[in-house]
Amino acid sequence: SMWMLLRGGGIVFVALMKQYALGDKLSLQMWVGVLIIALAVVLVGAAGMVDSGSQASVSGNVPFGVAMTVAGTFMQSVQYVYEEKVMSGEVGAPPWLLICSVL
């Protein structure tokens, strides 16, 4: 389904946040992979909005659905990057405190 394919955009968001927020350097091969995935996500999102013969397009909510899916994917990516930062050991707090603060 379109939803599952758009969720692949999380890889793009995580890669960007790892590079610019966490300061991890990604290799050229990683950036090529991120670019291919980004292109695929854009094509899938655009295909859902352009295809006028499908049932979902008739309802007129496809652009909103695509936008909400991408927004949700972004928020999940923020969570992944936050967890990686916290679990890296750079945060000087006991593990029980970190777990309780998330709950």
N, C-alpha and C. Protein backbone atom coordinates (compact mmCIF):
# COMPACT_ATOMS: atom_id res chain seq x y z
N SER A 1 0.83 -1.19 0.00
CA SER A 1 0.00 0.00 0.00
C SER A 1 0.88 1.25 0.00
N MET A 2 0.27 2.35 -0.33
CA MET A 2 1.00 3.61 -0.40
C MET A 2 1.52 3.98 0.98
N TRP A 3 0.77 3.70 2.01
CA TRP A 3 1.17 4.05 3.38
C TRP A 3 2.50 3.41 3.74
N MET A 4 2.64 2.13 3.46
CA MET A 4 3.88 1.43 3.81
C MET A 4 5.07 1.99 3.03
N LEU A 5 4.86 2.33 1.78
CA LEU A 5 5.96 2.87 0.99
C LEU A 5 6.37 4.26 1.46
N LEU A 6 5.40 5.07 1.86
CA LEU A 6 5.73 6.40 2.36
C LEU A 6 6.45 6.34 3.71
N ARG A 7 6.19 5.31 4.48
CA ARG A 7 6.86 5.16 5.76
C ARG A 7 8.36 4.93 5.58
N GLY A 8 8.78 4.51 4.40
CA GLY A 8 10.20 4.36 4.10
C GLY A 8 10.95 5.68 4.16
N GLY A 9 10.22 6.77 4.14
CA GLY A 9 10.84 8.08 4.25
C GLY A 9 11.52 8.30 5.58
N GLY A 10 11.23 7.46 6.56
CA GLY A 10 11.88 7.57 7.86
C GLY A 10 13.39 7.42 7.74
N ILE A 11 13.82 6.60 6.81
CA ILE A 11 15.26 6.42 6.59
C ILE A 11 15.90 7.75 6.15
N VAL A 12 15.20 8.49 5.33
CA VAL A 12 15.72 9.78 4.86
C VAL A 12 15.82 10.76 6.02
N PHE A 13 14.75 10.84 6.82
CA PHE A 13 14.76 11.77 7.95
C PHE A 13 15.84 11.40 8.97
N VAL A 14 15.98 10.12 9.27
CA VAL A 14 16.99 9.68 10.23
C VAL A 14 18.39 10.00 9.71
N ALA A 15 18.63 9.77 8.44
CA ALA A 15 19.95 10.07 7.87
C ALA A 15 20.27 11.55 7.97
N LEU A 16 19.30 12.40 7.66
CA LEU A 16 19.53 13.84 7.75
C LEU A 16 19.78 14.28 9.19
N MET A 17 19.01 13.74 10.12
CA MET A 17 19.20 14.12 11.53
C MET A 17 20.51 13.57 12.10
N LYS A 18 20.90 12.37 11.68
CA LYS A 18 22.18 11.83 12.14
C LYS A 18 23.33 12.69 11.64
N GLN A 19 23.24 13.16 10.42
CA GLN A 19 24.31 13.97 9.84
C GLN A 19 24.39 15.34 10.51
N TYR A 20 23.23 16.00 10.64
CA TYR A 20 23.25 17.40 11.06
C TYR A 20 22.96 17.61 12.54
N ALA A 21 22.20 16.73 13.18
CA ALA A 21 21.89 16.91 14.60
C ALA A 21 22.90 16.17 15.49
N LEU A 22 23.22 14.93 15.13
CA LEU A 22 24.15 14.14 15.94
C LEU A 22 25.60 14.30 15.50
N GLY A 23 25.82 14.78 14.30
CA GLY A 23 27.19 14.98 13.82
C GLY A 23 27.86 13.72 13.28
N ASP A 24 27.09 12.66 13.04
CA ASP A 24 27.65 11.45 12.43
C ASP A 24 27.86 11.70 10.95
N LYS A 25 29.00 11.29 10.45
CA LYS A 25 29.28 11.45 9.03
C LYS A 25 28.83 10.21 8.27
N LEU A 26 28.02 10.41 7.25
CA LEU A 26 27.55 9.31 6.41
C LEU A 26 28.45 9.20 5.18
N SER A 27 28.71 7.98 4.76
CA SER A 27 29.56 7.76 3.59
C SER A 27 28.81 8.07 2.30
N LEU A 28 29.54 8.13 1.22
CA LEU A 28 28.94 8.40 -0.09
C LEU A 28 27.91 7.33 -0.46
N GLN A 29 28.22 6.08 -0.17
CA GLN A 29 27.28 4.99 -0.48
C GLN A 29 25.97 5.16 0.31
N MET A 30 26.08 5.60 1.54
CA MET A 30 24.88 5.84 2.35
C MET A 30 24.05 6.96 1.76
N TRP A 31 24.70 8.04 1.33
CA TRP A 31 23.96 9.15 0.74
C TRP A 31 23.29 8.77 -0.57
N VAL A 32 23.95 7.91 -1.35
CA VAL A 32 23.33 7.43 -2.59
C VAL A 32 22.06 6.63 -2.26
N GLY A 33 22.14 5.77 -1.25
CA GLY A 33 20.97 5.01 -0.83
C GLY A 33 19.85 5.91 -0.34
N VAL A 34 20.20 6.94 0.45
CA VAL A 34 19.20 7.88 0.95
C VAL A 34 18.55 8.63 -0.21
N LEU A 35 19.34 9.02 -1.19
CA LEU A 35 18.80 9.71 -2.37
C LEU A 35 17.84 8.83 -3.15
N ILE A 36 18.18 7.56 -3.33
CA ILE A 36 17.29 6.63 -4.04
C ILE A 36 15.98 6.45 -3.27
N ILE A 37 16.06 6.30 -1.96
CA ILE A 37 14.85 6.15 -1.16
C ILE A 37 14.01 7.42 -1.19
N ALA A 38 14.65 8.58 -1.11
CA ALA A 38 13.91 9.84 -1.17
C ALA A 38 13.19 9.98 -2.50
N LEU A 39 13.85 9.63 -3.58
CA LEU A 39 13.21 9.68 -4.89
C LEU A 39 12.02 8.73 -4.97
N ALA A 40 12.17 7.54 -4.42
CA ALA A 40 11.08 6.56 -4.42
C ALA A 40 9.89 7.07 -3.61
N VAL A 41 10.15 7.68 -2.45
CA VAL A 41 9.06 8.20 -1.62
C VAL A 41 8.33 9.32 -2.34
N VAL A 42 9.08 10.21 -3.00
CA VAL A 42 8.45 11.30 -3.76
C VAL A 42 7.60 10.74 -4.90
N LEU A 43 8.11 9.75 -5.61
CA LEU A 43 7.34 9.15 -6.70
C LEU A 43 6.07 8.48 -6.21
N VAL A 44 6.15 7.76 -5.10
CA VAL A 44 4.97 7.09 -4.56
C VAL A 44 3.93 8.12 -4.10
N GLY A 45 4.39 9.15 -3.40
CA GLY A 45 3.47 10.19 -2.95
C GLY A 45 2.81 10.93 -4.11
N ALA A 46 3.60 11.23 -5.13
CA ALA A 46 3.04 11.92 -6.30
C ALA A 46 2.10 11.03 -7.08
N ALA A 47 2.40 9.75 -7.16
CA ALA A 47 1.53 8.82 -7.90
C ALA A 47 0.16 8.73 -7.25
N GLY A 48 0.14 8.75 -5.93
CA GLY A 48 -1.15 8.70 -5.23
C GLY A 48 -1.99 9.94 -5.46
N MET A 49 -1.35 11.08 -5.65
CA MET A 49 -2.11 12.31 -5.88
C MET A 49 -2.49 12.49 -7.34
N VAL A 50 -1.73 11.90 -8.25
CA VAL A 50 -1.99 12.08 -9.68
C VAL A 50 -3.00 11.06 -10.20
N ASP A 51 -2.99 9.85 -9.66
CA ASP A 51 -3.85 8.77 -10.13
C ASP A 51 -5.30 9.09 -9.82
N SER A 52 -6.03 9.53 -10.83
CA SER A 52 -7.43 9.92 -10.62
C SER A 52 -8.39 8.75 -10.75
N GLY A 53 -7.93 7.59 -11.16
CA GLY A 53 -8.82 6.45 -11.34
C GLY A 53 -9.02 5.61 -10.09
N SER A 54 -8.24 5.85 -9.05
CA SER A 54 -8.35 5.01 -7.86
C SER A 54 -9.45 5.51 -6.93
N GLN A 55 -9.88 4.65 -6.03
CA GLN A 55 -10.94 4.98 -5.07
C GLN A 55 -10.50 6.08 -4.12
N ALA A 56 -9.25 6.03 -3.68
CA ALA A 56 -8.78 7.01 -2.71
C ALA A 56 -8.76 8.42 -3.29
N SER A 57 -8.49 8.54 -4.58
CA SER A 57 -8.43 9.86 -5.20
C SER A 57 -9.80 10.49 -5.32
N VAL A 58 -10.83 9.68 -5.42
CA VAL A 58 -12.18 10.19 -5.56
C VAL A 58 -12.61 10.92 -4.29
N SER A 59 -12.17 10.47 -3.15
CA SER A 59 -12.56 11.10 -1.89
C SER A 59 -11.92 12.47 -1.71
N GLY A 60 -10.80 12.74 -2.37
CA GLY A 60 -10.15 14.03 -2.29
C GLY A 60 -9.26 14.21 -1.07
N ASN A 61 -9.03 13.17 -0.29
CA ASN A 61 -8.22 13.27 0.91
C ASN A 61 -6.81 12.73 0.73
N VAL A 62 -6.41 12.43 -0.48
CA VAL A 62 -5.09 11.84 -0.70
C VAL A 62 -3.97 12.80 -0.30
N PRO A 63 -3.98 14.07 -0.71
CA PRO A 63 -2.88 14.96 -0.29
C PRO A 63 -2.79 15.09 1.24
N PHE A 64 -3.93 15.16 1.91
CA PHE A 64 -3.92 15.23 3.37
C PHE A 64 -3.35 13.96 3.96
N GLY A 65 -3.74 12.83 3.43
CA GLY A 65 -3.23 11.55 3.92
C GLY A 65 -1.73 11.41 3.73
N VAL A 66 -1.24 11.84 2.58
CA VAL A 66 0.21 11.80 2.31
C VAL A 66 0.93 12.72 3.28
N ALA A 67 0.40 13.92 3.49
CA ALA A 67 1.04 14.88 4.40
C ALA A 67 1.06 14.34 5.83
N MET A 68 -0.01 13.73 6.27
CA MET A 68 -0.07 13.20 7.63
C MET A 68 0.87 12.01 7.79
N THR A 69 0.99 11.18 6.76
CA THR A 69 1.90 10.04 6.82
C THR A 69 3.35 10.51 6.89
N VAL A 70 3.70 11.50 6.10
CA VAL A 70 5.07 12.03 6.12
C VAL A 70 5.34 12.70 7.47
N ALA A 71 4.36 13.43 8.02
CA ALA A 71 4.54 14.06 9.34
C ALA A 71 4.73 13.01 10.42
N GLY A 72 3.96 11.94 10.38
CA GLY A 72 4.11 10.86 11.35
C GLY A 72 5.45 10.16 11.22
N THR A 73 5.89 9.99 9.99
CA THR A 73 7.19 9.37 9.75
C THR A 73 8.31 10.25 10.30
N PHE A 74 8.17 11.56 10.14
CA PHE A 74 9.17 12.47 10.68
C PHE A 74 9.23 12.38 12.20
N MET A 75 8.07 12.35 12.85
CA MET A 75 8.05 12.26 14.31
C MET A 75 8.66 10.95 14.80
N GLN A 76 8.40 9.87 14.11
CA GLN A 76 8.99 8.59 14.48
C GLN A 76 10.51 8.63 14.29
N SER A 77 10.96 9.32 13.28
CA SER A 77 12.40 9.46 13.03
C SER A 77 13.07 10.27 14.14
N VAL A 78 12.39 11.29 14.63
CA VAL A 78 12.91 12.07 15.75
C VAL A 78 13.08 11.16 16.97
N GLN A 79 12.12 10.27 17.19
CA GLN A 79 12.22 9.34 18.30
C GLN A 79 13.42 8.42 18.14
N TYR A 80 13.65 7.90 16.93
CA TYR A 80 14.79 7.01 16.68
C TYR A 80 16.11 7.72 17.00
N VAL A 81 16.24 8.95 16.53
CA VAL A 81 17.48 9.70 16.72
C VAL A 81 17.67 10.03 18.20
N TYR A 82 16.58 10.40 18.88
CA TYR A 82 16.65 10.68 20.32
C TYR A 82 17.10 9.44 21.09
N GLU A 83 16.51 8.30 20.76
CA GLU A 83 16.89 7.06 21.44
C GLU A 83 18.36 6.72 21.20
N GLU A 84 18.82 6.95 19.99
CA GLU A 84 20.22 6.66 19.70
C GLU A 84 21.14 7.56 20.51
N LYS A 85 20.77 8.82 20.63
CA LYS A 85 21.57 9.76 21.42
C LYS A 85 21.59 9.35 22.89
N VAL A 86 20.44 9.01 23.44
CA VAL A 86 20.35 8.65 24.85
C VAL A 86 21.06 7.33 25.13
N MET A 87 20.92 6.37 24.26
CA MET A 87 21.50 5.05 24.49
C MET A 87 23.00 5.00 24.16
N SER A 88 23.54 6.06 23.60
CA SER A 88 24.97 6.08 23.26
C SER A 88 25.85 6.18 24.50
N GLY A 89 25.27 6.55 25.63
CA GLY A 89 26.05 6.67 26.85
C GLY A 89 26.59 8.06 27.10
N GLU A 90 26.31 9.00 26.21
CA GLU A 90 26.80 10.36 26.39
C GLU A 90 26.00 11.12 27.44
N VAL A 91 24.80 10.65 27.73
CA VAL A 91 23.96 11.31 28.72
C VAL A 91 24.34 10.75 30.09
N GLY A 92 24.69 11.63 31.02
CA GLY A 92 25.18 11.21 32.32
C GLY A 92 24.06 10.98 33.33
N ALA A 93 23.18 10.05 33.05
CA ALA A 93 22.08 9.74 33.97
C ALA A 93 21.96 8.22 34.08
N PRO A 94 21.48 7.74 35.22
CA PRO A 94 21.30 6.29 35.34
C PRO A 94 20.19 5.79 34.42
N PRO A 95 20.31 4.56 33.93
CA PRO A 95 19.33 4.03 32.98
C PRO A 95 17.89 4.05 33.49
N TRP A 96 17.69 3.79 34.78
CA TRP A 96 16.31 3.78 35.30
C TRP A 96 15.69 5.16 35.18
N LEU A 97 16.47 6.23 35.31
CA LEU A 97 15.95 7.58 35.19
C LEU A 97 15.56 7.88 33.75
N LEU A 98 16.37 7.40 32.79
CA LEU A 98 16.06 7.61 31.38
C LEU A 98 14.78 6.90 30.98
N ILE A 99 14.61 5.68 31.47
CA ILE A 99 13.41 4.92 31.12
C ILE A 99 12.18 5.56 31.74
N CYS A 100 12.27 5.98 32.98
CA CYS A 100 11.12 6.58 33.65
C CYS A 100 10.78 7.94 33.05
N SER A 101 11.75 8.67 32.53
CA SER A 101 11.45 9.97 31.96
C SER A 101 10.73 9.84 30.62
N VAL A 102 10.94 8.72 29.92
CA VAL A 102 10.25 8.50 28.64
C VAL A 102 8.81 8.10 28.89
N LEU A 103 8.56 7.31 29.92
CA LEU A 103 7.21 6.86 30.24
C LEU A 103 6.43 8.01 30.78
